[in-house]
Each structure stands twice: as C-alpha cells, then as structure tokens.
Amino acid sequence: MARFQRRLALPLGVGILLSAVGFLAFADPSGRPSIVGAALFCLAGVAFVLSSATDRVRIAGRAIGWQQVNGAGTILLAVGWLLTAVPSVESTPLFGIAVGVGALSLAFFGVQTLTDGPHVDLEREPARERLVAVLALVIVSAGLGVAVAI
C-alpha cells in the first residue's frame, strides 16, 4: 500500500494544486470560506507532492516522515473540501450532511495515515468499536449518496 500511495500522491498533488490555483485565480473575493478552502487545497497539493518526492521533510529542526506529510495533506484536503463544497452550492441540508460525512471519512483516513506510519496493519480480530464505526460510515455514506442522487 505504501508504494502505491506514494506513487499516486504525485499526480494527485499536482492535480489538486493546479485546480486550486485556477480556482483562486477566478474566485469571488466575497466567498471567503471558498477561498480559505482553496488555499487549504493548495497546501494539501504541496503536501502530496512532497510526500511523493522525499522520504523526510525537515520542519523547525524536526524530521517528518513522508507518511505524516501525506496524512496531513489528506486532513487539509478534508477541511478544504468542507469549506468549499457547503457554502459554494445553495443546497439542501442533506447535501451538507453528505459532504460532512465524506469529509469526516477523509479526515479519518488522514489521521490513520498520520499516526500509523507508512502502512495500516489489518488486525486478525479488529475491535468491535472500529467495525461498528466503519459500518456506520459506509451505511450513512451510501444512504446519503442515494438520497442526494434522487
């Protein structure tokens, strides 16, 4: 997983960075949450590119592994998505809930990558709480996706 994740991080980071810069170039200055979200997309793109290009990054004299940079980029992407998606569309509360659950899922993945290292071990017998949380996220995400599509 780690090799695939690093290989995917470069095109993903470049794509996110280019789209966010394009958005910022044409953004309405009155839409502050969207502009902040796009700036977070830029930071996420830079984090993904850095995580694919180097094993360690030095920040304030501390070495940070590529997986931690990648996890931080995923969290920035989740927060940016939340800030740009909800205010930019006159939407129903259901859409806001769907975006919130999606951002929460993405942030959860980012936190796992940030804290667990370059790989996530699958336990032979995962904790019941983890299974319930994952199952709840899947059910809510699928249900909201169907409801928004209808």
N, C-alpha and C. Protein backbone atom coordinates (compact mmCIF):
# COMPACT_ATOMS: atom_id res chain seq x y z
N MET A 1 0.82 -1.20 0.00
CA MET A 1 0.00 0.00 0.00
C MET A 1 0.86 1.26 0.00
N ALA A 2 1.97 1.23 0.74
CA ALA A 2 2.79 2.44 0.88
C ALA A 2 3.36 2.86 -0.47
N ARG A 3 3.84 1.91 -1.26
CA ARG A 3 4.43 2.25 -2.56
C ARG A 3 3.36 2.83 -3.49
N PHE A 4 2.19 2.21 -3.51
CA PHE A 4 1.09 2.70 -4.34
C PHE A 4 0.66 4.10 -3.89
N GLN A 5 0.58 4.29 -2.59
CA GLN A 5 0.17 5.58 -2.03
C GLN A 5 1.15 6.68 -2.43
N ARG A 6 2.43 6.38 -2.38
CA ARG A 6 3.44 7.39 -2.76
C ARG A 6 3.41 7.66 -4.25
N ARG A 7 3.20 6.62 -5.04
CA ARG A 7 3.15 6.80 -6.49
C ARG A 7 1.93 7.63 -6.90
N LEU A 8 0.82 7.42 -6.23
CA LEU A 8 -0.41 8.14 -6.53
C LEU A 8 -0.37 9.58 -6.02
N ALA A 9 0.44 9.84 -5.00
CA ALA A 9 0.47 11.17 -4.37
C ALA A 9 0.95 12.26 -5.32
N LEU A 10 1.88 11.95 -6.22
CA LEU A 10 2.41 12.98 -7.12
C LEU A 10 1.35 13.50 -8.10
N PRO A 11 0.72 12.64 -8.91
CA PRO A 11 -0.29 13.20 -9.83
C PRO A 11 -1.49 13.79 -9.09
N LEU A 12 -1.85 13.18 -7.97
CA LEU A 12 -2.96 13.72 -7.18
C LEU A 12 -2.61 15.11 -6.65
N GLY A 13 -1.41 15.26 -6.11
CA GLY A 13 -0.98 16.55 -5.58
C GLY A 13 -0.90 17.62 -6.65
N VAL A 14 -0.33 17.27 -7.80
CA VAL A 14 -0.23 18.24 -8.90
C VAL A 14 -1.62 18.64 -9.39
N GLY A 15 -2.52 17.67 -9.53
CA GLY A 15 -3.88 17.97 -9.98
C GLY A 15 -4.63 18.86 -9.00
N ILE A 16 -4.52 18.55 -7.72
CA ILE A 16 -5.18 19.37 -6.69
C ILE A 16 -4.60 20.77 -6.68
N LEU A 17 -3.29 20.86 -6.75
CA LEU A 17 -2.61 22.16 -6.72
C LEU A 17 -3.02 23.02 -7.92
N LEU A 18 -3.03 22.45 -9.12
CA LEU A 18 -3.41 23.21 -10.32
C LEU A 18 -4.87 23.64 -10.27
N SER A 19 -5.75 22.75 -9.85
CA SER A 19 -7.17 23.13 -9.80
C SER A 19 -7.41 24.19 -8.73
N ALA A 20 -6.72 24.11 -7.61
CA ALA A 20 -6.90 25.11 -6.54
C ALA A 20 -6.35 26.47 -6.97
N VAL A 21 -5.21 26.48 -7.64
CA VAL A 21 -4.65 27.74 -8.13
C VAL A 21 -5.59 28.35 -9.18
N GLY A 22 -6.15 27.52 -10.05
CA GLY A 22 -7.12 28.00 -11.03
C GLY A 22 -8.36 28.58 -10.36
N PHE A 23 -8.83 27.92 -9.33
CA PHE A 23 -9.99 28.42 -8.59
C PHE A 23 -9.67 29.76 -7.95
N LEU A 24 -8.50 29.86 -7.32
CA LEU A 24 -8.12 31.11 -6.67
C LEU A 24 -7.97 32.25 -7.67
N ALA A 25 -7.55 31.93 -8.90
CA ALA A 25 -7.38 32.97 -9.91
C ALA A 25 -8.72 33.59 -10.32
N PHE A 26 -9.79 32.80 -10.27
CA PHE A 26 -11.09 33.29 -10.72
C PHE A 26 -12.11 33.41 -9.59
N ALA A 27 -11.68 33.27 -8.35
CA ALA A 27 -12.61 33.26 -7.21
C ALA A 27 -13.18 34.64 -6.93
N ASP A 28 -14.40 34.63 -6.44
CA ASP A 28 -15.05 35.86 -5.98
C ASP A 28 -14.52 36.18 -4.59
N PRO A 29 -13.94 37.37 -4.40
CA PRO A 29 -13.35 37.69 -3.10
C PRO A 29 -14.35 37.69 -1.95
N SER A 30 -15.64 37.78 -2.26
CA SER A 30 -16.62 37.79 -1.17
C SER A 30 -16.86 36.39 -0.61
N GLY A 31 -16.45 35.37 -1.33
CA GLY A 31 -16.63 34.00 -0.85
C GLY A 31 -15.45 33.53 -0.02
N ARG A 32 -15.28 34.13 1.14
CA ARG A 32 -14.11 33.83 1.99
C ARG A 32 -13.97 32.34 2.35
N PRO A 33 -15.04 31.64 2.75
CA PRO A 33 -14.83 30.21 3.07
C PRO A 33 -14.29 29.42 1.88
N SER A 34 -14.78 29.75 0.67
CA SER A 34 -14.29 29.04 -0.51
C SER A 34 -12.83 29.36 -0.79
N ILE A 35 -12.43 30.60 -0.57
CA ILE A 35 -11.03 30.99 -0.79
C ILE A 35 -10.12 30.31 0.23
N VAL A 36 -10.56 30.27 1.49
CA VAL A 36 -9.77 29.57 2.52
C VAL A 36 -9.69 28.08 2.17
N GLY A 37 -10.80 27.50 1.73
CA GLY A 37 -10.79 26.10 1.33
C GLY A 37 -9.84 25.83 0.18
N ALA A 38 -9.83 26.73 -0.82
CA ALA A 38 -8.92 26.56 -1.95
C ALA A 38 -7.47 26.71 -1.51
N ALA A 39 -7.21 27.60 -0.57
CA ALA A 39 -5.84 27.73 -0.03
C ALA A 39 -5.43 26.44 0.68
N LEU A 40 -6.38 25.82 1.40
CA LEU A 40 -6.09 24.53 2.04
C LEU A 40 -5.85 23.45 0.99
N PHE A 41 -6.58 23.50 -0.14
CA PHE A 41 -6.32 22.58 -1.24
C PHE A 41 -4.89 22.76 -1.76
N CYS A 42 -4.44 24.02 -1.88
CA CYS A 42 -3.06 24.28 -2.32
C CYS A 42 -2.06 23.63 -1.36
N LEU A 43 -2.28 23.83 -0.07
CA LEU A 43 -1.38 23.23 0.93
C LEU A 43 -1.42 21.70 0.86
N ALA A 44 -2.62 21.14 0.66
CA ALA A 44 -2.75 19.68 0.54
C ALA A 44 -1.99 19.19 -0.69
N GLY A 45 -2.11 19.90 -1.81
CA GLY A 45 -1.39 19.52 -3.02
C GLY A 45 0.11 19.54 -2.82
N VAL A 46 0.61 20.58 -2.16
CA VAL A 46 2.04 20.67 -1.86
C VAL A 46 2.46 19.51 -0.96
N ALA A 47 1.63 19.19 0.04
CA ALA A 47 1.95 18.08 0.95
C ALA A 47 2.01 16.75 0.19
N PHE A 48 1.08 16.52 -0.75
CA PHE A 48 1.10 15.28 -1.51
C PHE A 48 2.34 15.20 -2.40
N VAL A 49 2.69 16.31 -3.05
CA VAL A 49 3.89 16.32 -3.90
C VAL A 49 5.14 16.06 -3.05
N LEU A 50 5.24 16.72 -1.90
CA LEU A 50 6.39 16.50 -1.01
C LEU A 50 6.46 15.05 -0.55
N SER A 51 5.30 14.47 -0.20
CA SER A 51 5.31 13.09 0.31
C SER A 51 5.73 12.10 -0.76
N SER A 52 5.50 12.43 -2.03
CA SER A 52 5.91 11.51 -3.09
C SER A 52 7.37 11.71 -3.48
N ALA A 53 7.92 12.90 -3.21
CA ALA A 53 9.25 13.23 -3.70
C ALA A 53 10.37 12.96 -2.71
N THR A 54 10.07 12.88 -1.43
CA THR A 54 11.13 12.75 -0.43
C THR A 54 10.69 11.82 0.70
N ASP A 55 11.66 11.21 1.35
CA ASP A 55 11.35 10.32 2.48
C ASP A 55 11.07 11.10 3.76
N ARG A 56 11.77 12.21 3.92
CA ARG A 56 11.63 13.02 5.14
C ARG A 56 11.67 14.50 4.77
N VAL A 57 10.92 15.28 5.54
CA VAL A 57 10.91 16.73 5.39
C VAL A 57 11.31 17.31 6.74
N ARG A 58 12.20 18.30 6.73
CA ARG A 58 12.61 18.95 7.98
C ARG A 58 11.80 20.22 8.16
N ILE A 59 11.07 20.28 9.27
CA ILE A 59 10.29 21.46 9.62
C ILE A 59 10.65 21.83 11.05
N ALA A 60 11.15 23.04 11.23
CA ALA A 60 11.56 23.55 12.54
C ALA A 60 12.55 22.60 13.23
N GLY A 61 13.48 22.06 12.45
CA GLY A 61 14.51 21.19 13.01
C GLY A 61 14.05 19.78 13.31
N ARG A 62 12.83 19.44 12.95
CA ARG A 62 12.29 18.11 13.24
C ARG A 62 12.04 17.37 11.93
N ALA A 63 12.51 16.14 11.85
CA ALA A 63 12.29 15.33 10.65
C ALA A 63 10.89 14.72 10.69
N ILE A 64 10.16 14.92 9.61
CA ILE A 64 8.80 14.39 9.50
C ILE A 64 8.78 13.43 8.32
N GLY A 65 8.30 12.21 8.55
CA GLY A 65 8.26 11.18 7.52
C GLY A 65 7.25 11.49 6.43
N TRP A 66 7.46 10.88 5.26
CA TRP A 66 6.59 11.15 4.12
C TRP A 66 5.14 10.80 4.44
N GLN A 67 4.91 9.72 5.22
CA GLN A 67 3.54 9.32 5.51
C GLN A 67 2.84 10.34 6.40
N GLN A 68 3.58 11.01 7.27
CA GLN A 68 2.98 12.05 8.10
C GLN A 68 2.62 13.26 7.26
N VAL A 69 3.47 13.60 6.30
CA VAL A 69 3.16 14.70 5.39
C VAL A 69 1.93 14.35 4.55
N ASN A 70 1.87 13.10 4.09
CA ASN A 70 0.73 12.65 3.30
C ASN A 70 -0.55 12.67 4.13
N GLY A 71 -0.49 12.21 5.36
CA GLY A 71 -1.66 12.23 6.24
C GLY A 71 -2.13 13.64 6.52
N ALA A 72 -1.19 14.56 6.74
CA ALA A 72 -1.55 15.96 6.96
C ALA A 72 -2.21 16.54 5.71
N GLY A 73 -1.70 16.17 4.53
CA GLY A 73 -2.32 16.62 3.28
C GLY A 73 -3.74 16.12 3.13
N THR A 74 -3.98 14.88 3.54
CA THR A 74 -5.33 14.33 3.47
C THR A 74 -6.28 15.06 4.41
N ILE A 75 -5.81 15.41 5.60
CA ILE A 75 -6.64 16.16 6.55
C ILE A 75 -6.92 17.56 5.99
N LEU A 76 -5.90 18.22 5.43
CA LEU A 76 -6.11 19.54 4.82
C LEU A 76 -7.11 19.46 3.68
N LEU A 77 -7.04 18.39 2.90
CA LEU A 77 -7.98 18.18 1.80
C LEU A 77 -9.41 18.05 2.33
N ALA A 78 -9.59 17.31 3.42
CA ALA A 78 -10.93 17.14 4.00
C ALA A 78 -11.50 18.46 4.49
N VAL A 79 -10.70 19.24 5.19
CA VAL A 79 -11.17 20.53 5.71
C VAL A 79 -11.44 21.49 4.55
N GLY A 80 -10.57 21.51 3.55
CA GLY A 80 -10.78 22.36 2.38
C GLY A 80 -12.04 21.99 1.63
N TRP A 81 -12.29 20.69 1.51
CA TRP A 81 -13.48 20.22 0.83
C TRP A 81 -14.73 20.69 1.57
N LEU A 82 -14.69 20.59 2.87
CA LEU A 82 -15.82 21.03 3.69
C LEU A 82 -16.07 22.53 3.50
N LEU A 83 -15.01 23.32 3.48
CA LEU A 83 -15.16 24.77 3.36
C LEU A 83 -15.59 25.22 1.97
N THR A 84 -15.22 24.47 0.93
CA THR A 84 -15.59 24.90 -0.42
C THR A 84 -16.91 24.31 -0.89
N ALA A 85 -17.23 23.11 -0.49
CA ALA A 85 -18.43 22.45 -1.02
C ALA A 85 -19.71 23.00 -0.41
N VAL A 86 -19.75 23.17 0.87
CA VAL A 86 -21.01 23.56 1.52
C VAL A 86 -21.42 24.99 1.18
N PRO A 87 -20.55 26.01 1.33
CA PRO A 87 -21.02 27.36 1.04
C PRO A 87 -21.16 27.69 -0.44
N SER A 88 -20.49 26.93 -1.32
CA SER A 88 -20.49 27.30 -2.73
C SER A 88 -21.74 26.84 -3.47
N VAL A 89 -22.52 25.97 -2.88
CA VAL A 89 -23.71 25.45 -3.54
C VAL A 89 -24.92 25.75 -2.65
N GLU A 90 -25.92 26.39 -3.25
CA GLU A 90 -27.16 26.55 -2.49
C GLU A 90 -27.79 25.17 -2.44
N SER A 91 -27.65 24.55 -1.32
CA SER A 91 -28.01 23.14 -1.25
C SER A 91 -28.98 22.86 -0.12
N THR A 92 -29.45 21.66 -0.14
CA THR A 92 -30.32 21.19 0.92
C THR A 92 -29.46 20.78 2.11
N PRO A 93 -30.06 20.70 3.28
CA PRO A 93 -29.29 20.23 4.44
C PRO A 93 -28.73 18.82 4.22
N LEU A 94 -29.43 18.03 3.42
CA LEU A 94 -28.96 16.67 3.16
C LEU A 94 -27.61 16.68 2.44
N PHE A 95 -27.43 17.62 1.51
CA PHE A 95 -26.14 17.73 0.82
C PHE A 95 -25.04 18.11 1.80
N GLY A 96 -25.34 19.03 2.69
CA GLY A 96 -24.36 19.43 3.71
C GLY A 96 -23.97 18.27 4.60
N ILE A 97 -24.95 17.45 4.96
CA ILE A 97 -24.67 16.28 5.79
C ILE A 97 -23.80 15.29 5.01
N ALA A 98 -24.13 15.09 3.73
CA ALA A 98 -23.34 14.16 2.91
C ALA A 98 -21.90 14.63 2.77
N VAL A 99 -21.71 15.94 2.56
CA VAL A 99 -20.35 16.48 2.46
C VAL A 99 -19.63 16.33 3.80
N GLY A 100 -20.35 16.58 4.89
CA GLY A 100 -19.75 16.44 6.22
C GLY A 100 -19.29 15.02 6.50
N VAL A 101 -20.12 14.04 6.14
CA VAL A 101 -19.75 12.64 6.36
C VAL A 101 -18.57 12.26 5.46
N GLY A 102 -18.57 12.74 4.21
CA GLY A 102 -17.45 12.47 3.31
C GLY A 102 -16.15 13.08 3.83
N ALA A 103 -16.24 14.32 4.30
CA ALA A 103 -15.04 14.99 4.85
C ALA A 103 -14.57 14.28 6.11
N LEU A 104 -15.50 13.82 6.93
CA LEU A 104 -15.13 13.08 8.14
C LEU A 104 -14.42 11.78 7.78
N SER A 105 -14.91 11.08 6.77
CA SER A 105 -14.26 9.84 6.33
C SER A 105 -12.85 10.11 5.82
N LEU A 106 -12.70 11.17 5.03
CA LEU A 106 -11.38 11.53 4.51
C LEU A 106 -10.44 11.93 5.64
N ALA A 107 -10.94 12.70 6.59
CA ALA A 107 -10.11 13.11 7.73
C ALA A 107 -9.70 11.90 8.56
N PHE A 108 -10.61 10.93 8.73
CA PHE A 108 -10.30 9.71 9.47
C PHE A 108 -9.14 8.97 8.80
N PHE A 109 -9.19 8.86 7.47
CA PHE A 109 -8.11 8.21 6.73
C PHE A 109 -6.81 8.98 6.90
N GLY A 110 -6.89 10.31 6.87
CA GLY A 110 -5.69 11.14 7.05
C GLY A 110 -5.07 10.97 8.42
N VAL A 111 -5.91 10.91 9.45
CA VAL A 111 -5.41 10.72 10.81
C VAL A 111 -4.74 9.35 10.94
N GLN A 112 -5.35 8.33 10.34
CA GLN A 112 -4.73 7.00 10.38
C GLN A 112 -3.38 7.00 9.69
N THR A 113 -3.28 7.64 8.54
CA THR A 113 -2.00 7.71 7.82
C THR A 113 -0.98 8.51 8.61
N LEU A 114 -1.43 9.58 9.23
CA LEU A 114 -0.55 10.44 10.01
C LEU A 114 0.01 9.72 11.24
N THR A 115 -0.80 8.92 11.89
CA THR A 115 -0.38 8.32 13.16
C THR A 115 0.12 6.88 13.04
N ASP A 116 -0.34 6.13 12.06
CA ASP A 116 0.01 4.71 11.99
C ASP A 116 1.25 4.40 11.18
N GLY A 117 1.81 5.36 10.50
CA GLY A 117 3.01 5.10 9.73
C GLY A 117 2.70 4.81 8.28
N PRO A 118 3.68 4.25 7.55
CA PRO A 118 3.52 4.08 6.11
C PRO A 118 2.56 2.97 5.72
N HIS A 119 2.07 2.23 6.66
CA HIS A 119 1.12 1.16 6.35
C HIS A 119 0.11 1.06 7.48
N VAL A 120 -1.00 0.45 7.16
CA VAL A 120 -2.02 0.20 8.17
C VAL A 120 -2.16 -1.31 8.28
N ASP A 121 -1.84 -1.85 9.44
CA ASP A 121 -1.96 -3.29 9.63
C ASP A 121 -3.42 -3.66 9.83
N LEU A 122 -3.82 -4.70 9.14
CA LEU A 122 -5.16 -5.22 9.35
C LEU A 122 -5.09 -6.25 10.47
N GLU A 123 -5.88 -6.04 11.47
CA GLU A 123 -5.87 -6.94 12.62
C GLU A 123 -6.63 -8.21 12.28
N ARG A 124 -6.19 -9.31 12.87
CA ARG A 124 -6.93 -10.56 12.66
C ARG A 124 -8.33 -10.47 13.26
N GLU A 125 -8.41 -9.84 14.40
CA GLU A 125 -9.69 -9.63 15.06
C GLU A 125 -9.81 -8.15 15.42
N PRO A 126 -10.33 -7.33 14.49
CA PRO A 126 -10.42 -5.90 14.79
C PRO A 126 -11.39 -5.62 15.93
N ALA A 127 -11.15 -4.52 16.60
CA ALA A 127 -12.00 -4.13 17.72
C ALA A 127 -13.44 -3.92 17.23
N ARG A 128 -14.38 -4.31 18.06
CA ARG A 128 -15.81 -4.19 17.71
C ARG A 128 -16.18 -2.73 17.44
N GLU A 129 -15.60 -1.81 18.22
CA GLU A 129 -15.92 -0.39 18.04
C GLU A 129 -15.48 0.10 16.66
N ARG A 130 -14.31 -0.37 16.21
CA ARG A 130 -13.82 0.04 14.88
C ARG A 130 -14.73 -0.50 13.79
N LEU A 131 -15.15 -1.75 13.93
CA LEU A 131 -16.05 -2.33 12.93
C LEU A 131 -17.38 -1.58 12.89
N VAL A 132 -17.92 -1.25 14.05
CA VAL A 132 -19.19 -0.52 14.11
C VAL A 132 -19.03 0.86 13.48
N ALA A 133 -17.93 1.55 13.77
CA ALA A 133 -17.70 2.89 13.21
C ALA A 133 -17.57 2.84 11.69
N VAL A 134 -16.82 1.87 11.18
CA VAL A 134 -16.65 1.75 9.73
C VAL A 134 -17.97 1.38 9.07
N LEU A 135 -18.71 0.45 9.65
CA LEU A 135 -20.00 0.06 9.11
C LEU A 135 -20.97 1.24 9.11
N ALA A 136 -20.98 2.02 10.18
CA ALA A 136 -21.87 3.19 10.26
C ALA A 136 -21.50 4.21 9.18
N LEU A 137 -20.21 4.46 8.98
CA LEU A 137 -19.79 5.40 7.93
C LEU A 137 -20.21 4.92 6.55
N VAL A 138 -20.07 3.62 6.30
CA VAL A 138 -20.45 3.07 4.99
C VAL A 138 -21.95 3.21 4.78
N ILE A 139 -22.75 2.85 5.77
CA ILE A 139 -24.21 2.92 5.65
C ILE A 139 -24.67 4.36 5.46
N VAL A 140 -24.17 5.26 6.29
CA VAL A 140 -24.58 6.67 6.18
C VAL A 140 -24.13 7.25 4.85
N SER A 141 -22.89 6.96 4.43
CA SER A 141 -22.39 7.50 3.16
C SER A 141 -23.22 6.98 1.98
N ALA A 142 -23.50 5.68 1.96
CA ALA A 142 -24.30 5.12 0.87
C ALA A 142 -25.72 5.67 0.89
N GLY A 143 -26.31 5.75 2.06
CA GLY A 143 -27.68 6.28 2.17
C GLY A 143 -27.76 7.73 1.72
N LEU A 144 -26.81 8.54 2.15
CA LEU A 144 -26.82 9.95 1.74
C LEU A 144 -26.54 10.09 0.25
N GLY A 145 -25.67 9.25 -0.27
CA GLY A 145 -25.40 9.30 -1.71
C GLY A 145 -26.64 8.99 -2.53
N VAL A 146 -27.39 7.99 -2.11
CA VAL A 146 -28.64 7.65 -2.80
C VAL A 146 -29.66 8.77 -2.65
N ALA A 147 -29.77 9.32 -1.44
CA ALA A 147 -30.75 10.39 -1.19
C ALA A 147 -30.43 11.64 -1.99
N VAL A 148 -29.16 11.99 -2.10
CA VAL A 148 -28.78 13.18 -2.87
C VAL A 148 -29.02 12.94 -4.36
N ALA A 149 -28.78 11.72 -4.83
CA ALA A 149 -28.97 11.40 -6.24
C ALA A 149 -30.44 11.43 -6.65
N ILE A 150 -31.32 11.13 -5.72
CA ILE A 150 -32.77 11.08 -6.04
C ILE A 150 -33.30 12.44 -6.11
